[in-house]
Amino acid sequence: MKKGFFAAGVLALLSSCTTTPPTIGDPAPQLTDRRAEQAYQDIFSQYSDRAEIYDGFDTRVFAGATFQTMPFREARVQRQAQFQFLPRPRVEELLAKERNEEAQFHEFWMGVHVNDYRFEDFGRKNTIWRVVLLTPSMEVEPVSIERMGRSNLAMRSFYPYMGVFWIAYRVRFPKVLTDGTPVIPPTASHVHLRLASTLGHAELRVHAR
């Protein structure tokens, strides 16, 4: 009798754990061309990762991040062009803008879902979070963290890990140090984006190039 009661209690406790963010609203948009959709998902998975920060059995923070390498930027622009039927000159204009931005920064698109809104302060000066880029040779803090707003269908079409109530950020790191040393060495295969606070920490691992 006691064993059965204990087992039932454990099952009840586990069933109350939060392992995924609320799935509310329509699913992320996808292309009707299945091959094009799969090609995008393949490159998206190379440069994206997800992680959670737990408090016991409960999840405090859900996070996803995508490294804005030039191959991913090109795939994202082509995806936008397919969704919106963009003319070729407009596509070339967008690609030129992406090349210019990629040359200046190592950039991540970061999405977060925080169970307590007080902890969703990544872009503030006195944030509880420390966000760093970890490479095989160093740890670098961002030059800027910009809050891009609440998730919408356009964001979710490019970053499907984002849910309806997720918040998006643009996190930028320097390409080189003041002495000219590359932040990401040419031999690096992967880099990590670390989010850390008194709530816990998470590391998101992505391809370096």
Protein backbone atom coordinates (compact mmCIF):
# COMPACT_ATOMS: atom_id res chain seq x y z
CA MET A 1 0.00 0.00 0.00
CA LYS A 2 2.78 2.41 0.92
CA LYS A 3 4.74 1.57 -2.22
CA GLY A 4 1.71 2.23 -4.40
CA PHE A 5 1.04 5.53 -2.66
CA PHE A 6 4.68 6.59 -3.10
CA ALA A 7 4.68 5.68 -6.81
CA ALA A 8 1.47 7.61 -7.38
CA GLY A 9 2.96 10.62 -5.63
CA VAL A 10 6.08 10.53 -7.81
CA LEU A 11 3.98 10.29 -10.98
CA ALA A 12 1.87 13.23 -9.88
CA LEU A 13 4.98 15.27 -9.19
CA LEU A 14 6.55 14.45 -12.56
CA SER A 15 3.35 15.21 -14.42
CA SER A 16 3.36 18.70 -12.92
CA CYS A 17 6.86 19.45 -14.29
CA THR A 18 7.10 21.99 -17.08
CA THR A 19 9.25 20.58 -19.88
CA THR A 20 8.07 22.66 -22.83
CA PRO A 21 6.78 26.22 -23.15
CA PRO A 22 3.05 26.75 -23.72
CA THR A 23 2.08 25.75 -27.26
CA ILE A 24 -0.54 28.37 -28.00
CA GLY A 25 -1.55 29.69 -31.40
CA ASP A 26 -0.85 28.56 -34.94
CA PRO A 27 2.26 26.53 -35.79
CA ALA A 28 5.21 28.30 -37.40
CA PRO A 29 4.67 28.95 -41.13
CA GLN A 30 6.35 26.61 -43.60
CA LEU A 31 7.01 26.72 -47.32
CA THR A 32 4.71 24.73 -49.58
CA ASP A 33 7.78 23.47 -51.46
CA ARG A 34 8.77 20.52 -49.23
CA ARG A 35 12.31 20.28 -50.56
CA ALA A 36 12.92 23.98 -49.97
CA GLU A 37 11.44 23.68 -46.49
CA GLN A 38 13.65 20.72 -45.63
CA ALA A 39 16.73 22.49 -46.99
CA TYR A 40 16.04 25.47 -44.74
CA GLN A 41 15.42 23.29 -41.70
CA ASP A 42 18.71 21.50 -42.32
CA ILE A 43 20.79 24.68 -42.35
CA PHE A 44 18.73 26.14 -39.51
CA SER A 45 19.59 23.14 -37.32
CA GLN A 46 23.33 23.59 -37.99
CA TYR A 47 23.35 27.12 -36.59
CA SER A 48 20.65 26.82 -33.92
CA ASP A 49 20.29 25.23 -30.51
CA ARG A 50 17.83 25.15 -27.64
CA ALA A 51 18.28 24.89 -23.89
CA GLU A 52 16.33 25.16 -20.64
CA ILE A 53 17.15 26.40 -17.15
CA TYR A 54 15.49 24.43 -14.38
CA ASP A 55 14.54 25.05 -10.77
CA GLY A 56 14.14 21.55 -9.44
CA PHE A 57 11.53 19.94 -11.69
CA ASP A 58 10.21 23.23 -13.07
CA THR A 59 11.64 25.07 -16.05
CA ARG A 60 12.36 28.74 -15.36
CA VAL A 61 13.69 29.73 -18.79
CA PHE A 62 13.38 28.33 -22.30
CA ALA A 63 15.94 29.66 -24.77
CA GLY A 64 16.81 29.25 -28.41
CA ALA A 65 19.58 30.89 -30.40
CA THR A 66 20.69 31.01 -34.02
CA PHE A 67 24.16 32.08 -35.14
CA GLN A 68 23.82 34.52 -38.02
CA THR A 69 26.58 33.16 -40.24
CA MET A 70 26.60 34.18 -43.87
CA PRO A 71 25.30 30.76 -45.04
CA PHE A 72 22.36 31.08 -42.66
CA ARG A 73 21.72 34.71 -43.60
CA GLU A 74 21.56 33.72 -47.26
CA ALA A 75 19.15 30.88 -46.48
CA ARG A 76 16.97 33.21 -44.42
CA VAL A 77 16.80 35.82 -47.19
CA GLN A 78 15.93 33.18 -49.76
CA ARG A 79 13.20 31.90 -47.45
CA GLN A 80 11.79 35.41 -47.12
CA ALA A 81 11.91 35.76 -50.90
CA GLN A 82 9.94 32.54 -51.33
CA PHE A 83 7.31 33.55 -48.80
CA GLN A 84 6.89 37.07 -50.21
CA PHE A 85 7.65 36.42 -53.92
CA LEU A 86 10.35 39.09 -53.83
CA PRO A 87 11.85 40.30 -57.12
CA ARG A 88 15.52 39.54 -57.73
CA PRO A 89 16.74 43.14 -57.25
CA ARG A 90 15.13 43.24 -53.81
CA VAL A 91 16.75 39.92 -52.89
CA GLU A 92 20.16 41.24 -53.92
CA GLU A 93 19.56 44.37 -51.86
CA LEU A 94 18.75 42.29 -48.78
CA LEU A 95 21.77 40.05 -49.32
CA ALA A 96 24.06 43.08 -49.59
CA LYS A 97 22.72 44.36 -46.27
CA GLU A 98 23.29 40.97 -44.66
CA ARG A 99 26.88 40.81 -45.94
CA ASN A 100 27.57 44.25 -44.52
CA GLU A 101 26.20 43.33 -41.09
CA GLU A 102 27.95 39.96 -41.02
CA ALA A 103 31.28 41.66 -41.74
CA GLN A 104 30.90 43.85 -38.65
CA PHE A 105 29.66 41.49 -35.94
CA HIS A 106 29.24 37.92 -34.77
CA GLU A 107 25.51 38.03 -34.28
CA PHE A 108 22.97 35.74 -32.64
CA TRP A 109 19.21 35.79 -32.83
CA MET A 110 18.08 34.75 -29.36
CA GLY A 111 14.56 33.85 -28.28
CA VAL A 112 13.52 33.35 -24.67
CA HIS A 113 10.43 32.34 -22.75
CA VAL A 114 10.65 33.19 -19.05
CA ASN A 115 8.01 31.94 -16.63
CA ASP A 116 8.42 35.02 -14.42
CA TYR A 117 8.47 38.25 -16.44
CA ARG A 118 10.80 39.89 -13.88
CA PHE A 119 13.64 37.74 -15.18
CA GLU A 120 13.12 38.73 -18.82
CA ASP A 121 15.53 41.68 -18.74
CA PHE A 122 18.37 40.59 -21.04
CA GLY A 123 18.59 43.93 -22.82
CA ARG A 124 18.63 46.12 -19.71
CA LYS A 125 21.71 47.76 -18.24
CA ASN A 126 21.32 46.12 -14.83
CA THR A 127 20.15 42.74 -16.11
CA ILE A 128 20.53 39.69 -13.89
CA TRP A 129 21.93 37.81 -16.90
CA ARG A 130 25.48 37.52 -18.15
CA VAL A 131 25.57 36.56 -21.82
CA VAL A 132 28.90 35.56 -23.37
CA LEU A 133 30.25 33.96 -26.53
CA LEU A 134 32.56 31.03 -25.82
CA THR A 135 35.07 30.09 -28.50
CA PRO A 136 37.94 27.56 -28.35
CA SER A 137 40.32 30.41 -27.46
CA MET A 138 38.36 32.94 -25.42
CA GLU A 139 35.20 34.23 -23.73
CA VAL A 140 33.75 37.48 -25.09
CA GLU A 141 30.95 39.71 -23.83
CA PRO A 142 28.50 41.29 -26.29
CA VAL A 143 28.81 44.81 -27.63
CA SER A 144 25.00 45.06 -27.64
CA ILE A 145 21.84 43.17 -26.72
CA GLU A 146 18.79 44.60 -28.47
CA ARG A 147 15.24 43.61 -27.57
CA MET A 148 13.40 42.92 -30.82
CA GLY A 149 9.97 42.40 -29.27
CA ARG A 150 7.43 39.66 -28.80
CA SER A 151 7.36 36.76 -31.21
CA ASN A 152 5.17 37.06 -34.29
CA LEU A 153 4.49 34.84 -37.29
CA ALA A 154 7.27 36.44 -39.33
CA MET A 155 9.84 35.69 -36.62
CA ARG A 156 8.52 32.17 -36.17
CA SER A 157 8.75 31.46 -39.88
CA PHE A 158 12.54 31.89 -39.59
CA TYR A 159 13.05 30.71 -35.99
CA PRO A 160 10.47 27.96 -35.34
CA TYR A 161 11.66 27.33 -31.75
CA MET A 162 9.94 30.59 -30.80
CA GLY A 163 6.45 30.32 -29.37
CA VAL A 164 3.72 32.95 -29.23
CA PHE A 165 4.86 34.44 -25.93
CA TRP A 166 8.59 34.28 -26.55
CA ILE A 167 10.70 37.46 -26.68
CA ALA A 168 13.36 38.00 -29.34
CA TYR A 169 16.77 39.61 -28.89
CA ARG A 170 19.63 40.46 -31.23
CA VAL A 171 22.97 39.80 -29.54
CA ARG A 172 26.11 41.15 -31.19
CA PHE A 173 29.74 40.32 -30.42
CA PRO A 174 32.94 41.79 -31.89
CA LYS A 175 34.61 40.00 -34.79
CA VAL A 176 38.11 40.85 -33.59
CA LEU A 177 39.76 42.09 -30.41
CA THR A 178 41.47 45.48 -30.16
CA ASP A 179 44.79 43.86 -31.11
CA GLY A 180 43.27 42.31 -34.24
CA THR A 181 42.94 38.77 -32.87
CA PRO A 182 39.90 36.98 -34.35
CA VAL A 183 37.29 36.19 -31.71
CA ILE A 184 36.49 32.92 -33.48
CA PRO A 185 39.70 31.22 -34.66
CA PRO A 186 39.72 29.84 -38.21
CA THR A 187 40.05 26.28 -36.88
CA ALA A 188 36.95 26.47 -34.65
CA SER A 189 34.18 24.05 -35.55
CA HIS A 190 31.64 25.12 -32.90
CA VAL A 191 30.99 28.00 -30.52
CA HIS A 192 28.71 28.36 -27.49
CA LEU A 193 26.34 31.08 -26.35
CA ARG A 194 26.16 31.01 -22.55
CA LEU A 195 23.31 32.52 -20.51
CA ALA A 196 24.02 32.67 -16.78
CA SER A 197 22.36 34.19 -13.71
CA THR A 198 21.38 33.27 -10.16
CA LEU A 199 18.56 31.24 -11.75
CA GLY A 200 21.08 28.94 -13.38
CA HIS A 201 22.87 28.76 -16.70
CA ALA A 202 22.54 27.28 -20.17
CA GLU A 203 24.92 26.85 -23.09
CA LEU A 204 23.74 26.72 -26.67
CA ARG A 205 26.15 25.03 -29.10
CA VAL A 206 26.20 25.88 -32.82
CA HIS A 207 28.45 25.49 -35.84
CA ALA A 208 31.07 28.22 -36.03
CA ARG A 209 30.84 28.84 -39.78
